[in-house]
Amino acid sequence: MSKIEQEVRAFIEDNYLLTADSVDLAGSESLTRRGIVDSVGILELILFLETNYGIEIPDAEVKPENIDTVDNIVRFVERKLEVAGEVVVKHDYIGHIL
């Protein structure tokens, strides 16, 4: 499991999963269809990704193939970081520099 996947899973577990469901969450499973995140949750997830990875996610990129599964999120963030081609300062959920 990559560092990005660990961080994304930790964010989802800390903010949306109140039970042992996180153990069962497959990387390819839809976060919205499973009822883990709703439209407000998507906005929170986007804010987390932008803050934690120093990326910008325009509205046009907010679509299921980018953010509806853990696997899609990881690939999307990796692509965004590659395109940026620069070192990103990591932050924790609260904005502290790591």
Protein backbone atom coordinates (compact mmCIF):
# COMPACT_ATOMS: atom_id res chain seq x y z
CA MET A 1 0.00 0.00 0.00
CA SER A 2 1.44 3.37 -1.03
CA LYS A 3 1.80 6.33 1.32
CA ILE A 4 -0.93 8.19 -0.60
CA GLU A 5 -3.31 5.26 -0.23
CA GLN A 6 -2.56 5.03 3.49
CA GLU A 7 -3.25 8.74 3.95
CA VAL A 8 -6.47 8.65 1.91
CA ARG A 9 -7.72 5.58 3.78
CA ALA A 10 -6.85 7.20 7.12
CA PHE A 11 -8.80 10.34 6.14
CA ILE A 12 -11.83 8.30 5.08
CA GLU A 13 -11.71 6.15 8.21
CA ASP A 14 -11.29 9.15 10.52
CA ASN A 15 -14.05 11.20 8.92
CA TYR A 16 -16.64 8.82 7.51
CA LEU A 17 -16.35 5.30 8.88
CA LEU A 18 -17.58 4.93 12.41
CA THR A 19 -17.53 1.14 12.45
CA ALA A 20 -15.32 -1.70 11.34
CA ASP A 21 -16.47 -1.08 7.73
CA SER A 22 -13.04 0.30 6.90
CA VAL A 23 -11.61 -3.19 7.09
CA ASP A 24 -13.93 -4.26 4.28
CA LEU A 25 -13.40 -1.24 2.00
CA ALA A 26 -11.92 -2.51 -1.26
CA GLY A 27 -9.86 -0.05 -3.26
CA SER A 28 -12.22 -0.39 -6.21
CA GLU A 29 -15.44 0.04 -4.22
CA SER A 30 -17.54 3.16 -4.87
CA LEU A 31 -17.51 5.52 -1.90
CA THR A 32 -20.79 7.11 -2.96
CA ARG A 33 -22.71 3.95 -3.88
CA ARG A 34 -21.69 2.34 -0.62
CA GLY A 35 -22.97 5.44 1.21
CA ILE A 36 -19.62 6.30 2.76
CA VAL A 37 -19.52 9.84 1.36
CA ASP A 38 -22.22 12.16 0.08
CA SER A 39 -21.91 15.43 -1.84
CA VAL A 40 -20.65 17.30 1.22
CA GLY A 41 -18.22 14.49 1.92
CA ILE A 42 -16.86 14.80 -1.62
CA LEU A 43 -16.18 18.49 -0.99
CA GLU A 44 -14.39 17.65 2.26
CA LEU A 45 -12.36 14.97 0.47
CA ILE A 46 -11.37 17.43 -2.25
CA LEU A 47 -10.31 19.99 0.35
CA PHE A 48 -8.23 17.31 2.09
CA LEU A 49 -6.52 16.34 -1.18
CA GLU A 50 -5.81 19.93 -2.15
CA THR A 51 -4.47 20.82 1.29
CA ASN A 52 -2.51 17.65 1.95
CA TYR A 53 -0.91 17.35 -1.50
CA GLY A 54 -0.72 21.00 -2.56
CA ILE A 55 -2.77 20.38 -5.70
CA GLU A 56 -5.68 22.20 -7.29
CA ILE A 57 -8.75 20.25 -8.32
CA PRO A 58 -10.95 22.25 -10.68
CA ASP A 59 -14.66 21.45 -10.87
CA ALA A 60 -14.18 19.77 -14.27
CA GLU A 61 -11.99 17.12 -12.60
CA VAL A 62 -14.51 16.31 -9.87
CA LYS A 63 -15.91 13.16 -11.43
CA PRO A 64 -16.23 9.52 -10.36
CA GLU A 65 -13.28 8.31 -12.43
CA ASN A 66 -11.08 10.58 -10.28
CA ILE A 67 -12.58 10.50 -6.80
CA ASP A 68 -15.20 7.79 -6.27
CA THR A 69 -12.89 4.96 -5.16
CA VAL A 70 -9.69 4.81 -3.15
CA ASP A 71 -7.87 3.39 -6.19
CA ASN A 72 -9.12 6.22 -8.42
CA ILE A 73 -8.15 8.85 -5.84
CA VAL A 74 -4.63 7.46 -5.52
CA ARG A 75 -4.11 7.38 -9.31
CA PHE A 76 -5.59 10.86 -9.67
CA VAL A 77 -3.35 12.37 -6.97
CA GLU A 78 -0.28 10.63 -8.40
CA ARG A 79 -1.07 12.08 -11.87
CA LYS A 80 -1.61 15.55 -10.42
CA LEU A 81 1.70 15.38 -8.57
CA GLU A 82 3.53 14.17 -11.70
CA VAL A 83 2.08 17.02 -13.76
CA ALA A 84 3.05 19.52 -11.10
CA GLY A 85 6.59 18.15 -11.21
CA GLU A 86 7.52 19.82 -7.97
CA VAL A 87 8.09 18.88 -4.37
CA VAL A 88 4.93 19.18 -2.35
CA VAL A 89 4.95 20.18 1.32
CA LYS A 90 2.88 17.65 3.20
CA HIS A 91 0.35 18.74 5.81
CA ASP A 92 -1.64 16.76 8.29
CA TYR A 93 -5.44 17.03 8.40
CA ILE A 94 -5.28 20.16 10.52
CA GLY A 95 -2.75 21.92 8.31
CA HIS A 96 0.42 21.30 10.27
CA ILE A 97 3.49 20.84 8.09
CA LEU A 98 4.86 17.31 8.42
